[in-house]
Amino acid sequence: MGYALKVYQEFLDLGEAKAAVLADFIEYIENQRAVSVEELKATELRLEKEIKELELRLQQLFKESRQEERELNVKLAQSIEDARKEAREMDAKLAQSIEELRKETKEMELKLLQEIEKTRKETKEIEIKLLKEIEKTRQETKEIEIKLLKEMESSRRETKELELRLSKEIKEMEARVQKEISETKSTLVKWMFLFWTGQVIALAGLLKMFLK
C-alpha cells in the first residue's frame, strides 16, 4: 500500500485518473504474494520497467496533448481573430449602411417636406381660386336673382295691364254686342211690322175683291 501511495504521489502531476490507475495496479501487485524473493525482485524489476515505459508513454502523450493544445489554441486564437475581423468589417458595413440609410431618410424627409409645402401652396391657391369662383358665382346668382325679380315684376305689371286691357276689351265687346243685338231687334221688329202690314193689306184687298 505504501509503494502504491508513493507511485500515486509521484505520478499525480499526470492526472488523478492516471495516477489512481497506476496506484491501483501497484496495490494489486503488492497484494499478490510472491513465491520467493527472487520472483518479487523480478516482478519489481519488470514493474519498474513497465512503469518507466508507461511513464515514457505518458510523457509522450502529455507532450502530444500539449502540442495539440498549443495548436488548438493557435487555431482558436486565429479563429477568434478572424471572427473579430469579420465582426469589425460587419460593424463597419453596418455603420456605413446605417449612415447611408440615415442620409436617404433625410433626403426623403426633405423631399416629402418639399412636396407637402408644394401641396399646401397648391391647396391654398386652389382654395383662393375656389373662394373667388364662389364669390363670383354668388354675385352672378345675386344679379340673376335681381334680374329675375325685375322680370317677374315686369311680367306681373304686363299681366295686370293685359288683364285690364282684356277686361276693357271684353266690356267694349259686350257693349258692342248688346248694341248690335238691340239694333238687330229693332230691324227685325221693323221688318216684321212691314211684313205683317203687307200681309194685312193683301188680305184686305183679297177680302175686298171677294166682297165685291
Protein backbone atom coordinates (compact mmCIF):
# COMPACT_ATOMS: atom_id res chain seq x y z
CA MET A 1 0.00 0.00 0.00
CA GLY A 2 2.90 2.34 0.78
CA TYR A 3 4.51 1.84 -2.63
CA ALA A 4 1.18 2.34 -4.35
CA LEU A 5 0.72 5.65 -2.47
CA LYS A 6 4.22 6.67 -3.42
CA VAL A 7 3.54 5.89 -7.06
CA TYR A 8 0.28 7.79 -6.85
CA GLN A 9 2.05 10.84 -5.42
CA GLU A 10 4.86 10.61 -7.96
CA PHE A 11 2.51 10.46 -10.96
CA LEU A 12 -0.11 12.84 -9.60
CA ASP A 13 1.02 15.61 -11.98
CA LEU A 14 -0.10 13.40 -14.91
CA GLY A 15 -3.61 13.47 -13.59
CA GLU A 16 -5.56 11.91 -10.77
CA ALA A 17 -7.19 9.31 -13.01
CA LYS A 18 -3.89 8.06 -14.44
CA ALA A 19 -2.15 8.14 -11.04
CA ALA A 20 -5.07 6.28 -9.50
CA VAL A 21 -4.87 3.58 -12.18
CA LEU A 22 -1.17 3.12 -11.50
CA ALA A 23 -1.70 3.08 -7.74
CA ASP A 24 -4.46 0.51 -8.07
CA PHE A 25 -2.25 -1.58 -10.26
CA ILE A 26 0.64 -1.38 -7.76
CA GLU A 27 -1.68 -2.16 -4.92
CA TYR A 28 -2.94 -5.19 -6.82
CA ILE A 29 0.64 -6.35 -7.36
CA GLU A 30 1.52 -5.80 -3.71
CA ASN A 31 -1.46 -7.84 -2.66
CA GLN A 32 -0.26 -10.78 -4.64
CA ARG A 33 2.02 -12.97 -2.57
CA ALA A 34 5.28 -13.78 -4.26
CA VAL A 35 6.57 -17.34 -4.08
CA SER A 36 10.07 -16.17 -3.43
CA VAL A 37 12.12 -13.06 -3.01
CA GLU A 38 13.64 -13.55 -6.40
CA GLU A 39 10.23 -13.61 -8.03
CA LEU A 40 9.39 -10.49 -6.11
CA LYS A 41 12.57 -8.81 -7.27
CA ALA A 42 11.98 -9.96 -10.82
CA THR A 43 8.45 -8.77 -10.61
CA GLU A 44 9.62 -5.46 -9.12
CA LEU A 45 12.15 -5.01 -11.90
CA ARG A 46 9.55 -5.86 -14.50
CA LEU A 47 7.10 -3.48 -12.90
CA GLU A 48 9.71 -0.74 -12.73
CA LYS A 49 10.46 -1.32 -16.39
CA GLU A 50 6.78 -1.28 -17.26
CA ILE A 51 6.31 1.80 -15.10
CA LYS A 52 9.19 3.52 -16.86
CA GLU A 53 7.76 2.55 -20.21
CA LEU A 54 4.35 3.71 -19.08
CA GLU A 55 5.88 6.91 -17.76
CA LEU A 56 7.61 7.47 -21.09
CA ARG A 57 4.40 6.81 -22.92
CA LEU A 58 2.54 9.15 -20.59
CA GLN A 59 5.15 11.83 -21.07
CA GLN A 60 4.92 11.35 -24.83
CA LEU A 61 1.16 11.54 -24.65
CA PHE A 62 1.44 14.58 -22.42
CA LYS A 63 3.80 16.24 -24.91
CA GLU A 64 1.49 15.35 -27.79
CA SER A 65 -1.53 16.63 -25.87
CA ARG A 66 0.38 19.82 -25.04
CA GLN A 67 1.34 20.17 -28.71
CA GLU A 68 -2.25 19.58 -29.80
CA GLU A 69 -3.41 22.01 -27.13
CA ARG A 70 -0.96 24.66 -28.40
CA GLU A 71 -2.06 24.04 -31.99
CA LEU A 72 -5.70 24.19 -30.92
CA ASN A 73 -5.02 27.40 -29.00
CA VAL A 74 -3.35 28.85 -32.09
CA LYS A 75 -6.29 27.81 -34.25
CA LEU A 76 -8.74 29.17 -31.69
CA ALA A 77 -6.79 32.43 -31.48
CA GLN A 78 -6.76 32.63 -35.30
CA SER A 79 -10.48 31.83 -35.42
CA ILE A 80 -11.17 34.44 -32.73
CA GLU A 81 -9.06 36.98 -34.62
CA ASP A 82 -10.85 36.13 -37.87
CA ALA A 83 -14.21 36.40 -36.12
CA ARG A 84 -13.20 39.74 -34.61
CA LYS A 85 -12.02 40.92 -38.01
CA GLU A 86 -15.28 39.82 -39.62
CA ALA A 87 -17.19 41.45 -36.77
CA ARG A 88 -15.24 44.70 -37.30
CA GLU A 89 -15.86 44.54 -41.03
CA MET A 90 -19.54 43.80 -40.41
CA ASP A 91 -19.71 46.67 -37.91
CA ALA A 92 -18.10 48.95 -40.49
CA LYS A 93 -20.54 47.78 -43.18
CA LEU A 94 -23.49 48.15 -40.80
CA ALA A 95 -22.31 51.62 -39.78
CA GLN A 96 -21.94 52.56 -43.46
CA SER A 97 -25.36 51.11 -44.26
CA ILE A 98 -26.90 52.94 -41.30
CA GLU A 99 -25.25 56.18 -42.40
CA GLU A 100 -26.47 55.69 -45.97
CA LEU A 101 -29.94 54.84 -44.68
CA ARG A 102 -29.94 57.94 -42.49
CA LYS A 103 -28.82 60.02 -45.45
CA GLU A 104 -31.52 58.53 -47.68
CA THR A 105 -34.09 59.00 -44.91
CA LYS A 106 -33.05 62.63 -44.50
CA GLU A 107 -33.21 63.21 -48.27
CA MET A 108 -36.62 61.52 -48.40
CA GLU A 109 -37.78 63.60 -45.45
CA LEU A 110 -36.64 66.80 -47.17
CA LYS A 111 -38.31 65.71 -50.39
CA LEU A 112 -41.53 64.90 -48.54
CA LEU A 113 -41.41 68.25 -46.75
CA GLN A 114 -40.96 70.00 -50.10
CA GLU A 115 -43.84 68.02 -51.58
CA ILE A 116 -46.01 68.84 -48.54
CA GLU A 117 -45.12 72.52 -48.80
CA LYS A 118 -45.84 72.47 -52.53
CA THR A 119 -49.14 70.68 -51.91
CA ARG A 120 -50.07 73.21 -49.22
CA LYS A 121 -49.25 76.08 -51.57
CA GLU A 122 -51.26 74.50 -54.39
CA THR A 123 -54.12 73.80 -51.98
CA LYS A 124 -54.05 77.41 -50.81
CA GLU A 125 -54.05 78.65 -54.42
CA ILE A 126 -56.94 76.31 -55.25
CA GLU A 127 -58.77 77.48 -52.11
CA ILE A 128 -58.28 81.14 -53.09
CA LYS A 129 -59.40 80.38 -56.64
CA LEU A 130 -62.45 78.49 -55.35
CA LEU A 131 -63.31 81.34 -53.00
CA LYS A 132 -63.08 83.76 -55.93
CA GLU A 133 -65.22 81.48 -58.04
CA ILE A 134 -67.74 81.11 -55.19
CA GLU A 135 -67.82 84.88 -54.70
CA LYS A 136 -68.22 85.38 -58.44
CA THR A 137 -70.97 82.75 -58.53
CA ARG A 138 -72.72 84.40 -55.57
CA GLN A 139 -72.53 87.75 -57.30
CA GLU A 140 -73.81 86.30 -60.56
CA THR A 141 -76.55 84.48 -58.65
CA LYS A 142 -77.50 87.70 -56.92
CA GLU A 143 -77.54 89.54 -60.25
CA ILE A 144 -79.63 86.75 -61.80
CA GLU A 145 -81.97 86.87 -58.79
CA ILE A 146 -82.33 90.64 -59.13
CA LYS A 147 -82.84 90.27 -62.87
CA LEU A 148 -85.45 87.56 -62.33
CA LEU A 149 -87.21 89.67 -59.72
CA LYS A 150 -87.28 92.58 -62.17
CA GLU A 151 -88.54 90.32 -64.94
CA MET A 152 -91.17 88.86 -62.58
CA GLU A 153 -92.23 92.37 -61.58
CA SER A 154 -92.35 93.37 -65.22
CA SER A 155 -94.33 90.23 -66.07
CA ARG A 156 -96.74 90.95 -63.24
CA ARG A 157 -97.14 94.51 -64.47
CA GLU A 158 -97.61 93.36 -68.06
CA THR A 159 -100.04 90.67 -66.90
CA LYS A 160 -102.00 93.24 -64.92
CA GLU A 161 -102.02 95.62 -67.89
CA LEU A 162 -103.08 92.77 -70.18
CA GLU A 163 -105.78 91.81 -67.72
CA LEU A 164 -107.03 95.40 -67.60
CA ARG A 165 -106.86 95.70 -71.38
CA LEU A 166 -108.68 92.39 -71.86
CA SER A 167 -111.28 93.39 -69.29
CA LYS A 168 -111.77 96.70 -71.11
CA GLU A 169 -111.96 94.97 -74.49
CA ILE A 170 -114.42 92.41 -73.11
CA LYS A 171 -116.58 95.21 -71.71
CA GLU A 172 -116.40 97.09 -75.02
CA MET A 173 -117.22 93.88 -76.89
CA GLU A 174 -120.18 93.23 -74.58
CA ALA A 175 -121.43 96.75 -75.14
CA ARG A 176 -120.99 96.43 -78.89
CA VAL A 177 -122.74 93.05 -78.89
CA GLN A 178 -125.59 94.49 -76.80
CA LYS A 179 -125.84 97.38 -79.23
CA GLU A 180 -125.81 95.07 -82.23
CA ILE A 181 -128.42 92.86 -80.60
CA SER A 182 -130.59 95.93 -79.92
CA GLU A 183 -130.15 97.17 -83.47
CA THR A 184 -130.91 93.68 -84.79
CA LYS A 185 -134.06 93.53 -82.67
CA SER A 186 -135.23 96.96 -83.93
CA THR A 187 -134.57 95.98 -87.53
CA LEU A 188 -136.34 92.67 -87.04
CA VAL A 189 -139.35 94.35 -85.47
CA LYS A 190 -139.44 96.90 -88.30
CA TRP A 191 -139.28 94.18 -90.95
CA MET A 192 -141.87 92.13 -89.12
CA PHE A 193 -144.15 95.17 -88.96
CA LEU A 194 -143.70 95.84 -92.64
CA PHE A 195 -144.25 92.14 -93.40
CA TRP A 196 -147.39 91.84 -91.40
CA THR A 197 -148.66 95.20 -92.68
CA GLY A 198 -148.22 93.98 -96.23
CA GLN A 199 -149.97 90.79 -95.33
CA VAL A 200 -152.86 92.66 -93.76
CA ILE A 201 -153.14 94.93 -96.81
CA ALA A 202 -153.03 91.94 -99.08
CA LEU A 203 -155.69 90.15 -97.08
CA ALA A 204 -157.79 93.29 -97.02
CA GLY A 205 -157.51 93.56 -100.80
CA LEU A 206 -158.45 89.95 -101.20
CA LEU A 207 -161.41 90.35 -98.88
CA LYS A 208 -162.46 93.48 -100.72
CA MET A 209 -162.28 91.61 -104.02
CA PHE A 210 -164.29 88.73 -102.62
CA LEU A 211 -166.90 91.06 -101.19
CA LYS A 212 -167.44 92.78 -104.49
